[in-house]
């Protein structure tokens, strides 16, 4: 069965990137090959991924500055309302609107493998709001930013499944439960849950 995971890293105070969308804080953190939440183990099970346009533009800028090639060999959806350039030779599919039809296309393309919500937090929230998020796997760095792009700009309950350490990171894997119980009981939630 295909699992939809939001696999990401965050600062201790819950930010994915600083106010200028920089990930310098992340890239300088030591990690161990094969440690908890290992990227190599995770990506081996991924059949398709999705990211927002800000994340996509960050990846393109990173590739341009390092001279690296496109990281992914699986189909990649980019959610955007703007016209963006594709990476030559990469299977990149631009989409706009709701995430439900994109999820359906991703499941078909993944051929039984898992789906990865690369980022950002609002995109992960859209999948969660539609009842399409199964797990959140997060690596928490020993850094605080004070402001920036939040991990998830929504109010959710999660159930802890596993924890571990990888280099400087504390890792946690959560099952997505739904909106906060307080919001459900107060009638503040109109989505799945």
C-alpha atoms as a PDB file:
ATOM      1  CA  UNK A   1       0.000   0.000   0.000  1.00  0.00           C
ATOM      2  CA  UNK A   2       1.262   3.461  -0.867  1.00  0.00           C
ATOM      3  CA  UNK A   3       2.108   5.671   2.116  1.00  0.00           C
ATOM      4  CA  UNK A   4       2.207   9.465   1.844  1.00  0.00           C
ATOM      5  CA  UNK A   5       5.021  10.917   3.944  1.00  0.00           C
ATOM      6  CA  UNK A   6       6.083  14.448   4.702  1.00  0.00           C
ATOM      7  CA  UNK A   7       9.815  13.777   5.204  1.00  0.00           C
ATOM      8  CA  UNK A   8      11.611  16.944   6.248  1.00  0.00           C
ATOM      9  CA  UNK A   9      13.943  18.711   8.651  1.00  0.00           C
ATOM     10  CA  UNK A  10      13.121  21.547  11.004  1.00  0.00           C
ATOM     11  CA  UNK A  11      14.765  23.797  13.530  1.00  0.00           C
ATOM     12  CA  UNK A  12      14.017  23.286  17.211  1.00  0.00           C
ATOM     13  CA  UNK A  13      11.560  26.196  17.022  1.00  0.00           C
ATOM     14  CA  UNK A  14       9.697  24.694  14.065  1.00  0.00           C
ATOM     15  CA  UNK A  15      10.973  26.384  10.919  1.00  0.00           C
ATOM     16  CA  UNK A  16      11.900  24.769   7.595  1.00  0.00           C
ATOM     17  CA  UNK A  17      13.772  27.785   6.270  1.00  0.00           C
ATOM     18  CA  UNK A  18      14.688  31.250   7.442  1.00  0.00           C
ATOM     19  CA  UNK A  19      12.725  34.332   6.257  1.00  0.00           C
ATOM     20  CA  UNK A  20      14.934  34.480   3.123  1.00  0.00           C
ATOM     21  CA  UNK A  21      14.242  30.775   2.348  1.00  0.00           C
ATOM     22  CA  UNK A  22      17.816  29.846   3.232  1.00  0.00           C
ATOM     23  CA  UNK A  23      18.667  26.321   4.383  1.00  0.00           C
ATOM     24  CA  UNK A  24      22.244  27.117   5.391  1.00  0.00           C
ATOM     25  CA  UNK A  25      21.343  26.124   8.974  1.00  0.00           C
ATOM     26  CA  UNK A  26      20.410  22.650   7.714  1.00  0.00           C
ATOM     27  CA  UNK A  27      23.252  21.973   5.319  1.00  0.00           C
ATOM     28  CA  UNK A  28      25.950  22.433   7.977  1.00  0.00           C
ATOM     29  CA  UNK A  29      24.519  19.796  10.367  1.00  0.00           C
ATOM     30  CA  UNK A  30      26.412  16.493  10.662  1.00  0.00           C
ATOM     31  CA  UNK A  31      24.527  13.281   9.865  1.00  0.00           C
ATOM     32  CA  UNK A  32      25.434   9.595   9.935  1.00  0.00           C
ATOM     33  CA  UNK A  33      24.976   7.321   6.932  1.00  0.00           C
ATOM     34  CA  UNK A  34      22.338   4.763   7.902  1.00  0.00           C
ATOM     35  CA  UNK A  35      21.316   6.654  11.042  1.00  0.00           C
ATOM     36  CA  UNK A  36      17.706   7.165  12.145  1.00  0.00           C
ATOM     37  CA  UNK A  37      15.637   8.588   9.292  1.00  0.00           C
ATOM     38  CA  UNK A  38      18.363   7.779   6.770  1.00  0.00           C
ATOM     39  CA  UNK A  39      17.717   9.560   3.488  1.00  0.00           C
ATOM     40  CA  UNK A  40      19.161   6.666   1.463  1.00  0.00           C
ATOM     41  CA  UNK A  41      16.765   4.182   3.068  1.00  0.00           C
ATOM     42  CA  UNK A  42      13.834   6.580   2.760  1.00  0.00           C
ATOM     43  CA  UNK A  43      14.338   7.534  -0.890  1.00  0.00           C
ATOM     44  CA  UNK A  44      14.736   3.877  -1.921  1.00  0.00           C
ATOM     45  CA  UNK A  45      11.022   3.370  -1.179  1.00  0.00           C
ATOM     46  CA  UNK A  46       9.754   6.526  -2.919  1.00  0.00           C
ATOM     47  CA  UNK A  47       8.005   6.245  -6.277  1.00  0.00           C
ATOM     48  CA  UNK A  48       6.875   9.863  -6.775  1.00  0.00           C
ATOM     49  CA  UNK A  49       7.266  13.194  -5.052  1.00  0.00           C
ATOM     50  CA  UNK A  50       5.664  16.614  -4.877  1.00  0.00           C
ATOM     51  CA  UNK A  51       6.975  20.012  -3.873  1.00  0.00           C
ATOM     52  CA  UNK A  52       5.829  23.612  -3.900  1.00  0.00           C
ATOM     53  CA  UNK A  53       7.270  26.229  -6.216  1.00  0.00           C
ATOM     54  CA  UNK A  54       9.433  27.860  -3.509  1.00  0.00           C
ATOM     55  CA  UNK A  55      11.053  24.507  -2.735  1.00  0.00           C
ATOM     56  CA  UNK A  56      11.527  23.811  -6.437  1.00  0.00           C
ATOM     57  CA  UNK A  57      13.173  27.194  -6.993  1.00  0.00           C
ATOM     58  CA  UNK A  58      15.475  26.574  -4.010  1.00  0.00           C
ATOM     59  CA  UNK A  59      16.499  23.205  -5.485  1.00  0.00           C
ATOM     60  CA  UNK A  60      17.202  24.836  -8.871  1.00  0.00           C
ATOM     61  CA  UNK A  61      19.305  27.572  -7.241  1.00  0.00           C
ATOM     62  CA  UNK A  62      21.193  24.959  -5.208  1.00  0.00           C
ATOM     63  CA  UNK A  63      21.920  22.905  -8.322  1.00  0.00           C
ATOM     64  CA  UNK A  64      23.106  25.999 -10.182  1.00  0.00           C
ATOM     65  CA  UNK A  65      25.447  26.993  -7.338  1.00  0.00           C
ATOM     66  CA  UNK A  66      26.920  23.506  -6.846  1.00  0.00           C
ATOM     67  CA  UNK A  67      26.911  22.213 -10.413  1.00  0.00           C
ATOM     68  CA  UNK A  68      25.056  19.100  -9.279  1.00  0.00           C
ATOM     69  CA  UNK A  69      22.517  17.302 -11.473  1.00  0.00           C
ATOM     70  CA  UNK A  70      18.807  16.895 -10.692  1.00  0.00           C
ATOM     71  CA  UNK A  71      18.553  14.737  -7.549  1.00  0.00           C
ATOM     72  CA  UNK A  72      15.538  12.585  -8.367  1.00  0.00           C
ATOM     73  CA  UNK A  73      14.943   9.823 -10.888  1.00  0.00           C
ATOM     74  CA  UNK A  74      11.231   9.476 -10.126  1.00  0.00           C
ATOM     75  CA  UNK A  75       8.317  11.630 -11.334  1.00  0.00           C
ATOM     76  CA  UNK A  76       8.213  14.990  -9.558  1.00  0.00           C
ATOM     77  CA  UNK A  77       5.150  17.200  -9.321  1.00  0.00           C
ATOM     78  CA  UNK A  78       5.632  20.919  -8.687  1.00  0.00           C
ATOM     79  CA  UNK A  79       2.589  22.777  -7.389  1.00  0.00           C
ATOM     80  CA  UNK A  80       2.613  26.279  -8.831  1.00  0.00           C
ATOM     81  CA  UNK A  81       0.399  28.981 -10.242  1.00  0.00           C
ATOM     82  CA  UNK A  82       3.347  30.429 -12.161  1.00  0.00           C
ATOM     83  CA  UNK A  83       5.203  29.342 -15.264  1.00  0.00           C
ATOM     84  CA  UNK A  84       8.499  27.751 -14.221  1.00  0.00           C
ATOM     85  CA  UNK A  85      11.347  26.224 -16.198  1.00  0.00           C
ATOM     86  CA  UNK A  86      11.741  22.466 -16.230  1.00  0.00           C
ATOM     87  CA  UNK A  87      15.052  20.695 -15.740  1.00  0.00           C
ATOM     88  CA  UNK A  88      16.123  19.085 -19.023  1.00  0.00           C
ATOM     89  CA  UNK A  89      15.895  15.301 -18.837  1.00  0.00           C
ATOM     90  CA  UNK A  90      13.981  15.273 -15.524  1.00  0.00           C
ATOM     91  CA  UNK A  91      10.423  13.972 -15.192  1.00  0.00           C
ATOM     92  CA  UNK A  92       8.880  17.168 -13.794  1.00  0.00           C
ATOM     93  CA  UNK A  93       5.158  17.784 -13.984  1.00  0.00           C
ATOM     94  CA  UNK A  94       3.742  21.192 -13.129  1.00  0.00           C
ATOM     95  CA  UNK A  95       0.291  21.341 -11.548  1.00  0.00           C
ATOM     96  CA  UNK A  96      -2.015  23.893  -9.987  1.00  0.00           C
ATOM     97  CA  UNK A  97      -5.245  23.728  -8.034  1.00  0.00           C
ATOM     98  CA  UNK A  98      -6.153  21.084  -5.502  1.00  0.00           C
ATOM     99  CA  UNK A  99      -3.910  18.252  -4.364  1.00  0.00           C
ATOM    100  CA  UNK A 100      -6.477  15.438  -4.759  1.00  0.00           C
ATOM    101  CA  UNK A 101      -6.033  14.990  -8.543  1.00  0.00           C
ATOM    102  CA  UNK A 102      -2.248  15.308  -8.161  1.00  0.00           C
ATOM    103  CA  UNK A 103      -2.310  12.623  -5.448  1.00  0.00           C
ATOM    104  CA  UNK A 104      -4.215  10.294  -7.797  1.00  0.00           C
ATOM    105  CA  UNK A 105      -1.649  10.860 -10.567  1.00  0.00           C
ATOM    106  CA  UNK A 106       1.221  10.330  -8.128  1.00  0.00           C
ATOM    107  CA  UNK A 107      -0.212   7.037  -6.837  1.00  0.00           C
ATOM    108  CA  UNK A 108      -0.532   5.765 -10.410  1.00  0.00           C
ATOM    109  CA  UNK A 109       3.028   6.824 -11.267  1.00  0.00           C
ATOM    110  CA  UNK A 110       4.520   5.430  -8.032  1.00  0.00           C
ATOM    111  CA  UNK A 111       3.411   1.889  -8.923  1.00  0.00           C
ATOM    112  CA  UNK A 112       2.946   0.759  -5.310  1.00  0.00           C
ATOM    113  CA  UNK A 113       5.854   2.717  -3.866  1.00  0.00           C
ATOM    114  CA  UNK A 114       5.512   5.597  -1.382  1.00  0.00           C
ATOM    115  CA  UNK A 115       4.849   9.273  -2.055  1.00  0.00           C
ATOM    116  CA  UNK A 116       7.037  12.040  -0.642  1.00  0.00           C
ATOM    117  CA  UNK A 117       5.820  15.537   0.124  1.00  0.00           C
ATOM    118  CA  UNK A 118       9.153  17.352  -0.084  1.00  0.00           C
ATOM    119  CA  UNK A 119       7.837  20.718   1.073  1.00  0.00           C
ATOM    120  CA  UNK A 120       6.850  23.198   2.053  1.00  0.00           C
ATOM    121  CA  UNK A 121       4.720  23.093   5.137  1.00  0.00           C
ATOM    122  CA  UNK A 122       1.648  24.614   3.532  1.00  0.00           C
ATOM    123  CA  UNK A 123       1.697  21.968   0.798  1.00  0.00           C
ATOM    124  CA  UNK A 124       1.933  19.221   3.431  1.00  0.00           C
ATOM    125  CA  UNK A 125      -0.999  20.924   5.163  1.00  0.00           C
ATOM    126  CA  UNK A 126      -3.045  20.800   1.969  1.00  0.00           C
ATOM    127  CA  UNK A 127      -2.489  17.042   1.713  1.00  0.00           C
ATOM    128  CA  UNK A 128      -3.397  16.672   5.402  1.00  0.00           C
ATOM    129  CA  UNK A 129      -6.530  18.789   5.000  1.00  0.00           C
ATOM    130  CA  UNK A 130      -7.616  16.520   2.144  1.00  0.00           C
ATOM    131  CA  UNK A 131      -7.069  13.403   4.291  1.00  0.00           C
ATOM    132  CA  UNK A 132      -4.110  12.315   2.148  1.00  0.00           C
ATOM    133  CA  UNK A 133      -1.197  12.513   4.620  1.00  0.00           C
ATOM    134  CA  UNK A 134      -0.205   9.331   6.450  1.00  0.00           C
ATOM    135  CA  UNK A 135       3.057  10.162   8.228  1.00  0.00           C
ATOM    136  CA  UNK A 136       5.415  12.964   9.111  1.00  0.00           C
ATOM    137  CA  UNK A 137       9.094  12.060   9.434  1.00  0.00           C
ATOM    138  CA  UNK A 138      11.039  14.982  10.835  1.00  0.00           C
ATOM    139  CA  UNK A 139      14.670  15.579  11.745  1.00  0.00           C
ATOM    140  CA  UNK A 140      15.000  18.292  14.377  1.00  0.00           C
ATOM    141  CA  UNK A 141      18.230  20.322  14.213  1.00  0.00           C
ATOM    142  CA  UNK A 142      19.920  22.011  17.188  1.00  0.00           C
ATOM    143  CA  UNK A 143      19.183  25.459  15.755  1.00  0.00           C
ATOM    144  CA  UNK A 144      16.589  28.165  16.404  1.00  0.00           C
ATOM    145  CA  UNK A 145      15.714  30.812  13.821  1.00  0.00           C
ATOM    146  CA  UNK A 146      13.005  32.831  15.561  1.00  0.00           C
ATOM    147  CA  UNK A 147      11.053  33.220  12.314  1.00  0.00           C
ATOM    148  CA  UNK A 148      10.812  31.815   8.824  1.00  0.00           C
ATOM    149  CA  UNK A 149       8.826  29.139   6.966  1.00  0.00           C
ATOM    150  CA  UNK A 150       6.900  27.004   9.492  1.00  0.00           C
ATOM    151  CA  UNK A 151       7.048  23.220   9.557  1.00  0.00           C
ATOM    152  CA  UNK A 152       3.244  23.043   9.356  1.00  0.00           C
ATOM    153  CA  UNK A 153       1.113  26.190   9.432  1.00  0.00           C
ATOM    154  CA  UNK A 154      -1.911  24.242  10.706  1.00  0.00           C
ATOM    155  CA  UNK A 155      -3.175  22.777  13.994  1.00  0.00           C
ATOM    156  CA  UNK A 156      -2.923  18.975  14.002  1.00  0.00           C
ATOM    157  CA  UNK A 157      -2.777  16.036  16.366  1.00  0.00           C
ATOM    158  CA  UNK A 158      -0.083  13.450  15.646  1.00  0.00           C
ATOM    159  CA  UNK A 159       0.741  10.066  17.185  1.00  0.00           C
ATOM    160  CA  UNK A 160       4.400   9.305  17.859  1.00  0.00           C
ATOM    161  CA  UNK A 161       5.534   6.072  16.158  1.00  0.00           C
ATOM    162  CA  UNK A 162       9.322   6.117  16.555  1.00  0.00           C
ATOM    163  CA  UNK A 163      12.290   8.263  17.603  1.00  0.00           C
ATOM    164  CA  UNK A 164      16.043   8.191  17.182  1.00  0.00           C
ATOM    165  CA  UNK A 165      19.214  10.164  16.720  1.00  0.00           C
ATOM    166  CA  UNK A 166      21.199  10.858  13.580  1.00  0.00           C
ATOM    167  CA  UNK A 167      24.318  12.975  14.058  1.00  0.00           C
ATOM    168  CA  UNK A 168      23.193  16.370  15.328  1.00  0.00           C
ATOM    169  CA  UNK A 169      19.518  15.592  14.685  1.00  0.00           C
ATOM    170  CA  UNK A 170      16.783  14.129  16.825  1.00  0.00           C
ATOM    171  CA  UNK A 171      14.419  12.250  14.537  1.00  0.00           C
ATOM    172  CA  UNK A 172      10.755  11.455  15.019  1.00  0.00           C
ATOM    173  CA  UNK A 173       8.186   9.598  12.952  1.00  0.00           C
ATOM    174  CA  UNK A 174       4.525  10.448  13.521  1.00  0.00           C
ATOM    175  CA  UNK A 175       1.222   9.102  12.240  1.00  0.00           C
ATOM    176  CA  UNK A 176      -1.047  11.909  11.114  1.00  0.00           C
ATOM    177  CA  UNK A 177      -4.217  11.847  13.256  1.00  0.00           C
ATOM    178  CA  UNK A 178      -6.134  14.919  12.103  1.00  0.00           C
ATOM    179  CA  UNK A 179      -7.035  18.371  13.321  1.00  0.00           C
ATOM    180  CA  UNK A 180      -6.530  19.157  16.996  1.00  0.00           C
ATOM    181  CA  UNK A 181      -9.188  17.498  19.132  1.00  0.00           C
ATOM    182  CA  UNK A 182     -10.134  20.939  20.452  1.00  0.00           C
ATOM    183  CA  UNK A 183     -10.824  22.165  16.920  1.00  0.00           C
ATOM    184  CA  UNK A 184     -12.874  19.080  16.047  1.00  0.00           C
ATOM    185  CA  UNK A 185     -14.991  19.365  19.195  1.00  0.00           C
ATOM    186  CA  UNK A 186     -15.497  23.123  18.726  1.00  0.00           C
ATOM    187  CA  UNK A 187     -16.707  22.568  15.165  1.00  0.00           C
ATOM    188  CA  UNK A 188     -13.805  24.577  13.720  1.00  0.00           C
ATOM    189  CA  UNK A 189     -12.915  21.847  11.264  1.00  0.00           C
ATOM    190  CA  UNK A 190     -14.722  21.216   8.019  1.00  0.00           C
ATOM    191  CA  UNK A 191     -12.255  18.824   6.389  1.00  0.00           C
ATOM    192  CA  UNK A 192     -11.619  15.100   6.820  1.00  0.00           C
ATOM    193  CA  UNK A 193     -10.534  13.928  10.207  1.00  0.00           C
END
